[in-house]
Structure formats: C-alpha cells, structure tokens
C-alpha cells in the first residue's frame, strides 16, 4: 500500500501535492503574543472582551494565512490599540496544544496614539513590573518575567 501511495505521490506535480497534504493532515492555528515595552520599560496589557471578566493579558491574536509571525503581532497590536510596535526578539514557542502553536515575542512601542477597538478590547494600559494588575493571566505573568530576565 505504501509503495502505491509513493508512486501516486510522484505522479502529481507540486500544487496538487499541497492539496493532498491539506486534506489529509491535521489543521491547527498559530497564536502570537507579545511583551511590549514603552520607553519607561512598562508593559502593555489589555482587557480583552472575549476573556473572563476582570482579566488582563498581553496583546496578541492569530496569524493569518501567508503572514509572518512578527507581522501578525504588529497587526494585532495595531488593530487592538492603534499602537505601532517593533518586534525585537522571539521569546518563547510552545507546542503540544491539540490545535495550536503559541509564539511569543518581545517588542517595543514606536508610535501611534491609543485608540481601542471596542469590539475586542475594553481597556489598555502600561504597567510597571512591580505593579502588574490582579487578574493577569498566569501564563502571561510568566512571559513577562521571562522577557525581563532575558532583556533587562
């Protein structure tokens, strides 16, 4: 059976091979998040309307087809806050979730005036590390600590 599949595979050219892969392989999404610092080394946190009430978290979202990971995070921050950010480094990549891969970056604010997307975000603020708010997602608290330890 495997030999027959291999012969078939060699008969079909490039693009149809991708369609076969798409149809036969598991699907998953890629999420991005970022520890974004302002010029005072404060961290940008958001209250997302889709999360539990009173919780805070890092900016982020999902990668669109064909989009670079860093571009996805910059787009998400811009859509949610109107801030312009620059990505400095990859912070962490976590797999093992059933349907997604999470990629986190460190970046910094380089422009824009705060203008929230009210459909997604109810509040956005910069916080000093020693004054992070109650309700901050534990995984995001970890990412912030990791960013500060690697990029003091």
C-alpha atoms as a PDB file:
ATOM      1  CA  UNK A   1       0.000   0.000   0.000  1.00  0.00           C
ATOM      2  CA  UNK A   2       2.802   2.425   0.877  1.00  0.00           C
ATOM      3  CA  UNK A   3       4.541   1.767  -2.453  1.00  0.00           C
ATOM      4  CA  UNK A   4       1.314   2.548  -4.305  1.00  0.00           C
ATOM      5  CA  UNK A   5       0.929   5.807  -2.363  1.00  0.00           C
ATOM      6  CA  UNK A   6       4.542   6.731  -3.155  1.00  0.00           C
ATOM      7  CA  UNK A   7       4.015   6.101  -6.882  1.00  0.00           C
ATOM      8  CA  UNK A   8       0.866   8.227  -6.848  1.00  0.00           C
ATOM      9  CA  UNK A   9       2.715  10.989  -4.964  1.00  0.00           C
ATOM     10  CA  UNK A  10       5.453  11.111  -7.588  1.00  0.00           C
ATOM     11  CA  UNK A  11       2.880  11.369 -10.393  1.00  0.00           C
ATOM     12  CA  UNK A  12       1.208  14.527  -9.134  1.00  0.00           C
ATOM     13  CA  UNK A  13       3.023  17.867  -9.508  1.00  0.00           C
ATOM     14  CA  UNK A  14       3.671  20.463  -6.761  1.00  0.00           C
ATOM     15  CA  UNK A  15       0.368  22.273  -6.173  1.00  0.00           C
ATOM     16  CA  UNK A  16      -1.846  19.162  -6.117  1.00  0.00           C
ATOM     17  CA  UNK A  17       0.598  17.657  -3.590  1.00  0.00           C
ATOM     18  CA  UNK A  18      -0.158  20.582  -1.288  1.00  0.00           C
ATOM     19  CA  UNK A  19      -3.901  19.984  -1.672  1.00  0.00           C
ATOM     20  CA  UNK A  20      -3.445  16.325  -0.755  1.00  0.00           C
ATOM     21  CA  UNK A  21      -1.408  17.341   2.297  1.00  0.00           C
ATOM     22  CA  UNK A  22      -4.046  19.893   3.288  1.00  0.00           C
ATOM     23  CA  UNK A  23      -6.841  17.342   3.050  1.00  0.00           C
ATOM     24  CA  UNK A  24      -5.015  14.554   4.872  1.00  0.00           C
ATOM     25  CA  UNK A  25      -3.161  16.389   7.654  1.00  0.00           C
ATOM     26  CA  UNK A  26      -4.491  17.771  10.947  1.00  0.00           C
ATOM     27  CA  UNK A  27      -5.291  21.501  10.967  1.00  0.00           C
ATOM     28  CA  UNK A  28      -4.113  23.907  13.631  1.00  0.00           C
ATOM     29  CA  UNK A  29      -3.795  27.619  14.279  1.00  0.00           C
ATOM     30  CA  UNK A  30      -0.840  29.735  15.297  1.00  0.00           C
ATOM     31  CA  UNK A  31      -1.274  32.303  18.028  1.00  0.00           C
ATOM     32  CA  UNK A  32       1.102  35.183  18.710  1.00  0.00           C
ATOM     33  CA  UNK A  33       1.524  37.345  21.786  1.00  0.00           C
ATOM     34  CA  UNK A  34       3.983  39.994  22.816  1.00  0.00           C
ATOM     35  CA  UNK A  35       5.592  41.551  25.827  1.00  0.00           C
ATOM     36  CA  UNK A  36       5.570  45.126  24.538  1.00  0.00           C
ATOM     37  CA  UNK A  37       7.559  47.753  26.433  1.00  0.00           C
ATOM     38  CA  UNK A  38       7.195  51.517  26.291  1.00  0.00           C
ATOM     39  CA  UNK A  39      10.116  53.946  26.691  1.00  0.00           C
ATOM     40  CA  UNK A  40       9.847  53.620  30.507  1.00  0.00           C
ATOM     41  CA  UNK A  41      10.122  49.797  30.394  1.00  0.00           C
ATOM     42  CA  UNK A  42       6.445  49.443  31.317  1.00  0.00           C
ATOM     43  CA  UNK A  43       4.470  46.527  29.873  1.00  0.00           C
ATOM     44  CA  UNK A  44       1.388  46.903  27.671  1.00  0.00           C
ATOM     45  CA  UNK A  45      -1.577  44.916  28.993  1.00  0.00           C
ATOM     46  CA  UNK A  46      -5.098  44.671  27.624  1.00  0.00           C
ATOM     47  CA  UNK A  47      -8.520  43.659  28.860  1.00  0.00           C
ATOM     48  CA  UNK A  48      -9.969  41.528  26.072  1.00  0.00           C
ATOM     49  CA  UNK A  49     -13.748  41.346  25.804  1.00  0.00           C
ATOM     50  CA  UNK A  50     -13.542  37.648  24.857  1.00  0.00           C
ATOM     51  CA  UNK A  51     -11.695  36.699  28.055  1.00  0.00           C
ATOM     52  CA  UNK A  52     -13.064  36.238  31.569  1.00  0.00           C
ATOM     53  CA  UNK A  53     -14.211  39.461  33.199  1.00  0.00           C
ATOM     54  CA  UNK A  54     -11.525  41.394  35.093  1.00  0.00           C
ATOM     55  CA  UNK A  55      -8.639  39.549  33.443  1.00  0.00           C
ATOM     56  CA  UNK A  56      -5.656  41.276  31.876  1.00  0.00           C
ATOM     57  CA  UNK A  57      -3.312  39.892  29.247  1.00  0.00           C
ATOM     58  CA  UNK A  58      -0.675  40.601  26.681  1.00  0.00           C
ATOM     59  CA  UNK A  59      -1.648  41.801  23.216  1.00  0.00           C
ATOM     60  CA  UNK A  60      -1.905  39.114  20.590  1.00  0.00           C
ATOM     61  CA  UNK A  61      -4.072  37.096  18.282  1.00  0.00           C
ATOM     62  CA  UNK A  62      -3.949  34.642  15.418  1.00  0.00           C
ATOM     63  CA  UNK A  63      -1.699  34.518  12.374  1.00  0.00           C
ATOM     64  CA  UNK A  64      -3.393  34.908   9.004  1.00  0.00           C
ATOM     65  CA  UNK A  65      -2.541  32.609   6.123  1.00  0.00           C
ATOM     66  CA  UNK A  66       0.704  33.724   4.469  1.00  0.00           C
ATOM     67  CA  UNK A  67       1.541  36.210   7.231  1.00  0.00           C
ATOM     68  CA  UNK A  68       4.912  36.305   9.006  1.00  0.00           C
ATOM     69  CA  UNK A  69       4.676  35.756  12.749  1.00  0.00           C
ATOM     70  CA  UNK A  70       6.190  39.123  13.658  1.00  0.00           C
ATOM     71  CA  UNK A  71       3.891  40.892  11.205  1.00  0.00           C
ATOM     72  CA  UNK A  72       0.897  39.160  12.773  1.00  0.00           C
ATOM     73  CA  UNK A  73       1.752  40.506  16.215  1.00  0.00           C
ATOM     74  CA  UNK A  74       2.340  44.028  14.866  1.00  0.00           C
ATOM     75  CA  UNK A  75      -1.008  43.866  13.035  1.00  0.00           C
ATOM     76  CA  UNK A  76      -2.860  42.613  16.112  1.00  0.00           C
ATOM     77  CA  UNK A  77      -1.428  45.360  18.333  1.00  0.00           C
ATOM     78  CA  UNK A  78      -2.317  47.969  15.698  1.00  0.00           C
ATOM     79  CA  UNK A  79      -5.860  46.611  15.286  1.00  0.00           C
ATOM     80  CA  UNK A  80      -6.491  46.399  19.033  1.00  0.00           C
ATOM     81  CA  UNK A  81      -4.817  49.625  20.227  1.00  0.00           C
ATOM     82  CA  UNK A  82      -3.649  51.658  17.211  1.00  0.00           C
ATOM     83  CA  UNK A  83      -0.108  51.446  18.611  1.00  0.00           C
ATOM     84  CA  UNK A  84       2.799  50.812  16.258  1.00  0.00           C
ATOM     85  CA  UNK A  85       5.313  48.333  17.636  1.00  0.00           C
ATOM     86  CA  UNK A  86       8.612  46.867  16.554  1.00  0.00           C
ATOM     87  CA  UNK A  87       9.497  43.270  17.361  1.00  0.00           C
ATOM     88  CA  UNK A  88      12.944  42.774  18.861  1.00  0.00           C
ATOM     89  CA  UNK A  89      13.210  39.046  19.572  1.00  0.00           C
ATOM     90  CA  UNK A  90      11.500  35.697  19.809  1.00  0.00           C
ATOM     91  CA  UNK A  91      10.733  34.993  23.453  1.00  0.00           C
ATOM     92  CA  UNK A  92       9.162  31.535  23.507  1.00  0.00           C
ATOM     93  CA  UNK A  93       7.414  28.976  21.339  1.00  0.00           C
ATOM     94  CA  UNK A  94       5.045  26.469  22.942  1.00  0.00           C
ATOM     95  CA  UNK A  95       3.574  23.481  21.142  1.00  0.00           C
ATOM     96  CA  UNK A  96       1.762  20.444  22.384  1.00  0.00           C
ATOM     97  CA  UNK A  97      -1.666  22.011  22.407  1.00  0.00           C
ATOM     98  CA  UNK A  98      -4.190  19.982  20.489  1.00  0.00           C
ATOM     99  CA  UNK A  99      -4.930  22.526  17.776  1.00  0.00           C
ATOM    100  CA  UNK A 100      -2.486  25.406  18.122  1.00  0.00           C
ATOM    101  CA  UNK A 101       1.059  26.648  18.420  1.00  0.00           C
ATOM    102  CA  UNK A 102       1.743  29.711  20.601  1.00  0.00           C
ATOM    103  CA  UNK A 103       4.625  32.041  19.689  1.00  0.00           C
ATOM    104  CA  UNK A 104       5.616  34.940  21.947  1.00  0.00           C
ATOM    105  CA  UNK A 105       7.871  37.889  21.194  1.00  0.00           C
ATOM    106  CA  UNK A 106       9.446  40.872  22.916  1.00  0.00           C
ATOM    107  CA  UNK A 107       8.899  44.241  21.306  1.00  0.00           C
ATOM    108  CA  UNK A 108       8.607  47.940  21.925  1.00  0.00           C
ATOM    109  CA  UNK A 109       6.248  50.778  21.255  1.00  0.00           C
ATOM    110  CA  UNK A 110       7.476  53.064  18.472  1.00  0.00           C
ATOM    111  CA  UNK A 111       4.401  55.147  17.689  1.00  0.00           C
ATOM    112  CA  UNK A 112       0.662  55.588  17.436  1.00  0.00           C
ATOM    113  CA  UNK A 113      -1.983  57.123  19.672  1.00  0.00           C
ATOM    114  CA  UNK A 114      -4.145  54.840  21.788  1.00  0.00           C
ATOM    115  CA  UNK A 115      -7.478  54.133  20.109  1.00  0.00           C
ATOM    116  CA  UNK A 116      -9.097  50.899  21.277  1.00  0.00           C
ATOM    117  CA  UNK A 117     -11.020  48.503  19.083  1.00  0.00           C
ATOM    118  CA  UNK A 118     -14.181  48.460  21.245  1.00  0.00           C
ATOM    119  CA  UNK A 119     -15.369  45.171  19.763  1.00  0.00           C
ATOM    120  CA  UNK A 120     -12.334  43.343  21.185  1.00  0.00           C
ATOM    121  CA  UNK A 121     -10.661  45.498  23.838  1.00  0.00           C
ATOM    122  CA  UNK A 122     -12.211  47.260  26.827  1.00  0.00           C
ATOM    123  CA  UNK A 123      -9.032  48.738  28.322  1.00  0.00           C
ATOM    124  CA  UNK A 124      -5.306  49.104  27.594  1.00  0.00           C
ATOM    125  CA  UNK A 125      -2.610  50.347  29.967  1.00  0.00           C
ATOM    126  CA  UNK A 126       1.114  50.216  30.548  1.00  0.00           C
ATOM    127  CA  UNK A 127       2.201  48.751  33.902  1.00  0.00           C
ATOM    128  CA  UNK A 128       5.462  48.701  35.821  1.00  0.00           C
ATOM    129  CA  UNK A 129       6.618  45.151  36.524  1.00  0.00           C
ATOM    130  CA  UNK A 130       6.217  45.587  40.271  1.00  0.00           C
ATOM    131  CA  UNK A 131       2.632  46.838  39.811  1.00  0.00           C
ATOM    132  CA  UNK A 132       1.161  44.227  37.482  1.00  0.00           C
ATOM    133  CA  UNK A 133      -2.615  44.041  37.988  1.00  0.00           C
ATOM    134  CA  UNK A 134      -4.708  41.388  39.670  1.00  0.00           C
ATOM    135  CA  UNK A 135      -6.306  39.153  37.084  1.00  0.00           C
ATOM    136  CA  UNK A 136      -3.237  38.961  34.858  1.00  0.00           C
ATOM    137  CA  UNK A 137      -3.211  35.560  33.178  1.00  0.00           C
ATOM    138  CA  UNK A 138      -0.585  33.374  34.928  1.00  0.00           C
ATOM    139  CA  UNK A 139       0.988  32.310  31.625  1.00  0.00           C
ATOM    140  CA  UNK A 140       1.370  35.967  30.647  1.00  0.00           C
ATOM    141  CA  UNK A 141       2.917  36.796  34.029  1.00  0.00           C
ATOM    142  CA  UNK A 142       5.473  34.058  33.246  1.00  0.00           C
ATOM    143  CA  UNK A 143       6.188  35.543  29.816  1.00  0.00           C
ATOM    144  CA  UNK A 144       6.742  38.995  31.313  1.00  0.00           C
ATOM    145  CA  UNK A 145       9.184  37.604  33.891  1.00  0.00           C
ATOM    146  CA  UNK A 146      10.986  35.677  31.148  1.00  0.00           C
ATOM    147  CA  UNK A 147      11.239  38.802  28.981  1.00  0.00           C
ATOM    148  CA  UNK A 148      12.646  40.854  31.842  1.00  0.00           C
ATOM    149  CA  UNK A 149      15.194  38.167  32.704  1.00  0.00           C
ATOM    150  CA  UNK A 150      16.404  37.869  29.102  1.00  0.00           C
ATOM    151  CA  UNK A 151      16.146  41.527  28.117  1.00  0.00           C
ATOM    152  CA  UNK A 152      16.759  43.570  31.296  1.00  0.00           C
END
